[in-house]
Each structure stands twice: as C-alpha cells, then as structure tokens.
Amino acid sequence: RIIAINNPDCPNRNTKGGFYVLNLLDQHGAPISLLFIVCVEGVALCWFYGHKRFSADVKKMLGFAPGPYWQICWTFISPVFLMSRPVMVLGEAIPFPKWAIGIGWMITMSSLVMVPVYFFYKLAITPGTLKERFMKISQPEELPPHVEVLPLELLGSGAGKADGVEDNQQQEPTAV
C-alpha cells in the first residue's frame, strides 16, 4: 500500500512551520545579502575605479556622458539607500525565537562573509607595503584599452585619466 501525503487514512500533519521558514528566509536570505553586495559593488565602482572613469566608459558605450546628477547618485545617494533598506527590513520582522534568528543570521553571513574574506586574502598575497597593497587591490586587474593605469599616488583621488580620451582615440594601458 502506498501512503501519500494527502492520504485520508493518515492523520493531518499540516503545521504552520512553513510560513515561518519562508518568512525567515525572506527576511534574512535575500534582502540583506543582495543589497549589501550591490552596495559594495557600487562603492568599488564609483570610489575605487572612479566615477569619472566609469562616466568615460558609459560615454564610450552610449556616445554621451552621464550628467552630474547620475554621478552624485552612484557615488553618494545609492550606497546610503542600499544600506538603510536592510535596517528597515529588520524592523518589520515577525517575532522569531532566538535560535531561529541565529539561523537566519548564519544564512545571511554565509553570503556576506566572502566579501571581507576575499579582501583580506588579496591583501595578504599582494607584495609591497600595506599602503601599496591596498592601492594595488583597489584598482581593476584588467582595464579597457582606452583607460590609462594611474600611478599609485594619484589613485586616492578616484579621478581617472580617461576624461581626456576622445571617442576615436585608443590608448594602450601603461604599467605602474
């Protein structure tokens, strides 16, 4: 005899636990992890690669450069909103037992922990002084052909030399 889940001979084993598991994953799985990773990518793009370089890349692709509104949004406004949303989500949380909240945070941290782990790994394997290593890992490993590699002392400003590159002009990247 085959016993199915909806077999009338079986007692009702329906619980409300699925609702709580779904809400736990909904609150801790995607919103915090995804928004944090997107915020880190945005900060890396606009603060380390540089909003001027990125604008030059957009101009190269679309034929026009984004205006100052978009550069301000990418650099300052978007990271603030991306990091404030997970805090608001946690305020709306359904009350869970402490052990369930711990499991939820373990699910969240399984995604988030890789960002600092990879940062410290790259910092450890890169040769040079601490400042040189940080500056080296803060720039892209591969650059588009129209972007010139900046000397280490100029990287802190976030300004790229791609501003002066014309649409039809190609430059070879120079080594640091």
C-alpha atoms as a PDB file:
ATOM      1  CA  ARG A   1       0.000   0.000   0.000  1.00  0.00           C
ATOM      2  CA  ILE A   2       1.363   3.440  -0.973  1.00  0.00           C
ATOM      3  CA  ILE A   3       0.937   6.210   1.584  1.00  0.00           C
ATOM      4  CA  ALA A   4       0.621   9.630   0.005  1.00  0.00           C
ATOM      5  CA  ILE A   5       0.845  12.984   1.739  1.00  0.00           C
ATOM      6  CA  ASN A   6      -2.867  13.655   1.253  1.00  0.00           C
ATOM      7  CA  ASN A   7      -3.949  10.138   2.133  1.00  0.00           C
ATOM      8  CA  PRO A   8      -7.191  10.337   4.160  1.00  0.00           C
ATOM      9  CA  ASP A   9      -6.002   7.401   6.305  1.00  0.00           C
ATOM     10  CA  CYS A  10      -3.056   9.500   7.609  1.00  0.00           C
ATOM     11  CA  PRO A  11      -3.625  11.972  10.403  1.00  0.00           C
ATOM     12  CA  ASN A  12      -3.351  15.627   9.458  1.00  0.00           C
ATOM     13  CA  ARG A  13       0.319  16.586   9.761  1.00  0.00           C
ATOM     14  CA  ASN A  14      -0.125  20.134   8.486  1.00  0.00           C
ATOM     15  CA  THR A  15       1.751  22.708  10.586  1.00  0.00           C
ATOM     16  CA  LYS A  16       2.250  26.424  10.262  1.00  0.00           C
ATOM     17  CA  GLY A  17       6.046  25.987  10.301  1.00  0.00           C
ATOM     18  CA  GLY A  18       6.400  26.510   6.551  1.00  0.00           C
ATOM     19  CA  PHE A  19       5.124  30.061   6.900  1.00  0.00           C
ATOM     20  CA  TYR A  20       7.803  30.850   9.480  1.00  0.00           C
ATOM     21  CA  VAL A  21      10.601  29.215   7.465  1.00  0.00           C
ATOM     22  CA  LEU A  22       9.529  31.160   4.380  1.00  0.00           C
ATOM     23  CA  ASN A  23       9.482  34.438   6.322  1.00  0.00           C
ATOM     24  CA  LEU A  24      12.820  33.684   7.980  1.00  0.00           C
ATOM     25  CA  LEU A  25      14.435  33.114   4.578  1.00  0.00           C
ATOM     26  CA  ASP A  26      12.615  36.125   3.147  1.00  0.00           C
ATOM     27  CA  GLN A  27      13.951  38.425   5.867  1.00  0.00           C
ATOM     28  CA  HIS A  28      17.478  37.069   6.177  1.00  0.00           C
ATOM     29  CA  GLY A  29      18.245  35.336   2.882  1.00  0.00           C
ATOM     30  CA  ALA A  30      17.951  37.824   0.068  1.00  0.00           C
ATOM     31  CA  PRO A  31      17.327  41.397   1.205  1.00  0.00           C
ATOM     32  CA  ILE A  32      20.336  41.939   3.429  1.00  0.00           C
ATOM     33  CA  SER A  33      22.848  39.931   1.393  1.00  0.00           C
ATOM     34  CA  LEU A  34      21.906  41.224  -2.035  1.00  0.00           C
ATOM     35  CA  LEU A  35      21.665  44.860  -1.013  1.00  0.00           C
ATOM     36  CA  PHE A  36      24.991  44.686   0.828  1.00  0.00           C
ATOM     37  CA  ILE A  37      26.763  43.108  -2.147  1.00  0.00           C
ATOM     38  CA  VAL A  38      25.224  45.611  -4.582  1.00  0.00           C
ATOM     39  CA  CYS A  39      26.289  48.461  -2.266  1.00  0.00           C
ATOM     40  CA  VAL A  40      29.865  47.109  -2.108  1.00  0.00           C
ATOM     41  CA  GLU A  41      29.939  46.819  -5.908  1.00  0.00           C
ATOM     42  CA  GLY A  42      28.673  50.380  -6.287  1.00  0.00           C
ATOM     43  CA  VAL A  43      31.245  51.722  -3.841  1.00  0.00           C
ATOM     44  CA  ALA A  44      34.014  49.788  -5.592  1.00  0.00           C
ATOM     45  CA  LEU A  45      32.904  51.088  -8.980  1.00  0.00           C
ATOM     46  CA  CYS A  46      32.486  54.752  -8.074  1.00  0.00           C
ATOM     47  CA  TRP A  47      35.034  55.205  -5.299  1.00  0.00           C
ATOM     48  CA  PHE A  48      37.897  52.931  -6.368  1.00  0.00           C
ATOM     49  CA  TYR A  49      37.507  52.688 -10.145  1.00  0.00           C
ATOM     50  CA  GLY A  50      36.302  56.293 -10.128  1.00  0.00           C
ATOM     51  CA  HIS A  51      33.073  57.887 -11.258  1.00  0.00           C
ATOM     52  CA  LYS A  52      34.996  59.826 -13.931  1.00  0.00           C
ATOM     53  CA  ARG A  53      36.425  56.637 -15.424  1.00  0.00           C
ATOM     54  CA  PHE A  54      33.010  54.997 -15.254  1.00  0.00           C
ATOM     55  CA  SER A  55      31.405  58.017 -16.925  1.00  0.00           C
ATOM     56  CA  ALA A  56      34.048  57.839 -19.670  1.00  0.00           C
ATOM     57  CA  ASP A  57      33.210  54.153 -20.152  1.00  0.00           C
ATOM     58  CA  VAL A  58      29.498  54.968 -20.385  1.00  0.00           C
ATOM     59  CA  LYS A  59      30.290  57.729 -22.902  1.00  0.00           C
ATOM     60  CA  LYS A  60      32.333  55.237 -24.912  1.00  0.00           C
ATOM     61  CA  MET A  61      29.396  52.808 -24.973  1.00  0.00           C
ATOM     62  CA  LEU A  62      26.450  55.186 -25.425  1.00  0.00           C
ATOM     63  CA  GLY A  63      28.013  58.180 -27.123  1.00  0.00           C
ATOM     64  CA  PHE A  64      27.178  60.625 -24.333  1.00  0.00           C
ATOM     65  CA  ALA A  65      28.422  61.006 -20.780  1.00  0.00           C
ATOM     66  CA  PRO A  66      26.055  60.789 -17.817  1.00  0.00           C
ATOM     67  CA  GLY A  67      25.358  64.108 -16.122  1.00  0.00           C
ATOM     68  CA  PRO A  68      26.394  65.152 -12.631  1.00  0.00           C
ATOM     69  CA  TYR A  69      23.053  64.003 -11.193  1.00  0.00           C
ATOM     70  CA  TRP A  70      23.814  60.376 -12.064  1.00  0.00           C
ATOM     71  CA  GLN A  71      27.391  60.622 -10.805  1.00  0.00           C
ATOM     72  CA  ILE A  72      26.197  62.002  -7.461  1.00  0.00           C
ATOM     73  CA  CYS A  73      23.538  59.284  -7.224  1.00  0.00           C
ATOM     74  CA  TRP A  74      26.030  56.490  -7.982  1.00  0.00           C
ATOM     75  CA  THR A  75      28.662  57.840  -5.619  1.00  0.00           C
ATOM     76  CA  PHE A  76      26.713  59.002  -2.574  1.00  0.00           C
ATOM     77  CA  ILE A  77      22.936  58.573  -2.616  1.00  0.00           C
ATOM     78  CA  SER A  78      22.644  54.949  -3.779  1.00  0.00           C
ATOM     79  CA  PRO A  79      25.003  53.491  -1.127  1.00  0.00           C
ATOM     80  CA  VAL A  80      23.084  55.262   1.652  1.00  0.00           C
ATOM     81  CA  PHE A  81      19.721  53.951   0.460  1.00  0.00           C
ATOM     82  CA  LEU A  82      21.072  50.463  -0.245  1.00  0.00           C
ATOM     83  CA  MET A  83      22.434  50.144   3.296  1.00  0.00           C
ATOM     84  CA  SER A  84      19.398  51.693   5.016  1.00  0.00           C
ATOM     85  CA  ARG A  85      16.870  49.301   3.496  1.00  0.00           C
ATOM     86  CA  PRO A  86      18.104  46.137   5.298  1.00  0.00           C
ATOM     87  CA  VAL A  87      17.884  48.000   8.601  1.00  0.00           C
ATOM     88  CA  MET A  88      14.253  48.876   7.859  1.00  0.00           C
ATOM     89  CA  VAL A  89      13.502  45.272   6.857  1.00  0.00           C
ATOM     90  CA  LEU A  90      14.790  44.027  10.207  1.00  0.00           C
ATOM     91  CA  GLY A  91      12.479  46.463  11.989  1.00  0.00           C
ATOM     92  CA  GLU A  92       9.467  44.854  10.285  1.00  0.00           C
ATOM     93  CA  ALA A  93      10.465  41.353  11.366  1.00  0.00           C
ATOM     94  CA  ILE A  94       7.994  38.733  12.540  1.00  0.00           C
ATOM     95  CA  PRO A  95       8.929  37.688  16.079  1.00  0.00           C
ATOM     96  CA  PHE A  96      11.032  34.532  15.935  1.00  0.00           C
ATOM     97  CA  PRO A  97      12.663  32.526  18.722  1.00  0.00           C
ATOM     98  CA  LYS A  98      16.304  33.441  19.356  1.00  0.00           C
ATOM     99  CA  TRP A  99      17.584  30.188  17.846  1.00  0.00           C
ATOM    100  CA  ALA A 100      15.674  30.893  14.609  1.00  0.00           C
ATOM    101  CA  ILE A 101      17.107  34.425  14.436  1.00  0.00           C
ATOM    102  CA  GLY A 102      20.567  32.881  14.890  1.00  0.00           C
ATOM    103  CA  ILE A 103      19.928  30.534  11.959  1.00  0.00           C
ATOM    104  CA  GLY A 104      18.708  33.482   9.895  1.00  0.00           C
ATOM    105  CA  TRP A 105      21.889  35.424  10.615  1.00  0.00           C
ATOM    106  CA  MET A 106      24.010  32.378   9.737  1.00  0.00           C
ATOM    107  CA  ILE A 107      22.202  32.245   6.381  1.00  0.00           C
ATOM    108  CA  THR A 108      22.863  35.957   5.869  1.00  0.00           C
ATOM    109  CA  MET A 109      26.514  35.775   6.917  1.00  0.00           C
ATOM    110  CA  SER A 110      27.176  32.801   4.621  1.00  0.00           C
ATOM    111  CA  SER A 111      26.843  35.276   1.743  1.00  0.00           C
ATOM    112  CA  LEU A 112      28.340  38.359   3.368  1.00  0.00           C
ATOM    113  CA  VAL A 113      31.476  36.851   4.874  1.00  0.00           C
ATOM    114  CA  MET A 114      33.031  36.171   1.471  1.00  0.00           C
ATOM    115  CA  VAL A 115      33.476  39.897   0.716  1.00  0.00           C
ATOM    116  CA  PRO A 116      35.898  40.649   3.592  1.00  0.00           C
ATOM    117  CA  VAL A 117      37.497  37.186   3.368  1.00  0.00           C
ATOM    118  CA  TYR A 118      38.431  37.781  -0.276  1.00  0.00           C
ATOM    119  CA  PHE A 119      39.607  41.339   0.530  1.00  0.00           C
ATOM    120  CA  PHE A 120      41.986  40.095   3.234  1.00  0.00           C
ATOM    121  CA  TYR A 121      43.127  37.198   1.015  1.00  0.00           C
ATOM    122  CA  LYS A 122      44.052  39.605  -1.806  1.00  0.00           C
ATOM    123  CA  LEU A 123      45.690  41.948   0.727  1.00  0.00           C
ATOM    124  CA  ALA A 124      47.787  39.066   2.097  1.00  0.00           C
ATOM    125  CA  ILE A 125      49.041  37.731  -1.259  1.00  0.00           C
ATOM    126  CA  THR A 126      49.832  41.106  -2.844  1.00  0.00           C
ATOM    127  CA  PRO A 127      53.503  42.190  -2.486  1.00  0.00           C
ATOM    128  CA  GLY A 128      54.513  45.622  -1.167  1.00  0.00           C
ATOM    129  CA  THR A 129      53.846  47.793   1.836  1.00  0.00           C
ATOM    130  CA  LEU A 130      50.354  47.906   3.327  1.00  0.00           C
ATOM    131  CA  LYS A 131      49.502  51.154   1.510  1.00  0.00           C
ATOM    132  CA  GLU A 132      50.881  49.866  -1.818  1.00  0.00           C
ATOM    133  CA  ARG A 133      48.969  46.586  -1.437  1.00  0.00           C
ATOM    134  CA  PHE A 134      45.715  48.398  -0.656  1.00  0.00           C
ATOM    135  CA  MET A 135      46.149  50.762  -3.594  1.00  0.00           C
ATOM    136  CA  LYS A 136      47.027  47.873  -5.933  1.00  0.00           C
ATOM    137  CA  ILE A 137      43.997  45.758  -4.994  1.00  0.00           C
ATOM    138  CA  SER A 138      41.758  48.832  -5.170  1.00  0.00           C
ATOM    139  CA  GLN A 139      42.270  49.199  -8.918  1.00  0.00           C
ATOM    140  CA  PRO A 140      40.866  46.842 -11.542  1.00  0.00           C
ATOM    141  CA  GLU A 141      43.005  43.895 -12.598  1.00  0.00           C
ATOM    142  CA  GLU A 142      42.036  44.408 -16.253  1.00  0.00           C
ATOM    143  CA  LEU A 143      41.356  47.803 -17.800  1.00  0.00           C
ATOM    144  CA  PRO A 144      39.613  48.697 -21.042  1.00  0.00           C
ATOM    145  CA  PRO A 145      42.065  49.742 -23.757  1.00  0.00           C
ATOM    146  CA  HIS A 146      41.057  53.425 -23.578  1.00  0.00           C
ATOM    147  CA  VAL A 147      41.874  53.729 -19.835  1.00  0.00           C
ATOM    148  CA  GLU A 148      45.395  54.503 -18.674  1.00  0.00           C
ATOM    149  CA  VAL A 149      46.694  52.966 -15.439  1.00  0.00           C
ATOM    150  CA  LEU A 150      47.262  55.645 -12.826  1.00  0.00           C
ATOM    151  CA  PRO A 151      50.345  55.912 -10.645  1.00  0.00           C
ATOM    152  CA  LEU A 152      49.737  54.809  -7.061  1.00  0.00           C
ATOM    153  CA  GLU A 153      49.950  58.347  -5.653  1.00  0.00           C
ATOM    154  CA  LEU A 154      47.059  59.527  -7.865  1.00  0.00           C
ATOM    155  CA  LEU A 155      44.685  56.634  -7.165  1.00  0.00           C
ATOM    156  CA  GLY A 156      43.412  58.075  -3.904  1.00  0.00           C
ATOM    157  CA  SER A 157      41.526  60.861  -5.692  1.00  0.00           C
ATOM    158  CA  GLY A 158      39.327  58.444  -7.671  1.00  0.00           C
ATOM    159  CA  ALA A 159      39.832  60.574 -10.798  1.00  0.00           C
ATOM    160  CA  GLY A 160      40.802  58.701 -13.921  1.00  0.00           C
ATOM    161  CA  LYS A 161      42.801  59.963 -16.868  1.00  0.00           C
ATOM    162  CA  ALA A 162      40.099  58.667 -19.162  1.00  0.00           C
ATOM    163  CA  ASP A 163      38.453  62.102 -19.250  1.00  0.00           C
ATOM    164  CA  GLY A 164      40.796  63.388 -21.943  1.00  0.00           C
ATOM    165  CA  VAL A 165      40.440  60.352 -24.202  1.00  0.00           C
ATOM    166  CA  GLU A 166      38.463  61.062 -27.346  1.00  0.00           C
ATOM    167  CA  ASP A 167      35.907  58.578 -28.674  1.00  0.00           C
ATOM    168  CA  ASN A 168      38.022  57.597 -31.680  1.00  0.00           C
ATOM    169  CA  GLN A 169      41.334  57.557 -29.816  1.00  0.00           C
ATOM    170  CA  GLN A 170      42.722  54.327 -28.369  1.00  0.00           C
ATOM    171  CA  GLN A 171      45.438  54.292 -25.709  1.00  0.00           C
ATOM    172  CA  GLU A 172      47.453  51.342 -24.581  1.00  0.00           C
ATOM    173  CA  PRO A 173      47.450  50.827 -20.811  1.00  0.00           C
ATOM    174  CA  THR A 174      50.779  51.615 -19.189  1.00  0.00           C
ATOM    175  CA  ALA A 175      52.249  49.587 -16.382  1.00  0.00           C
ATOM    176  CA  VAL A 176      52.577  51.046 -12.910  1.00  0.00           C
END
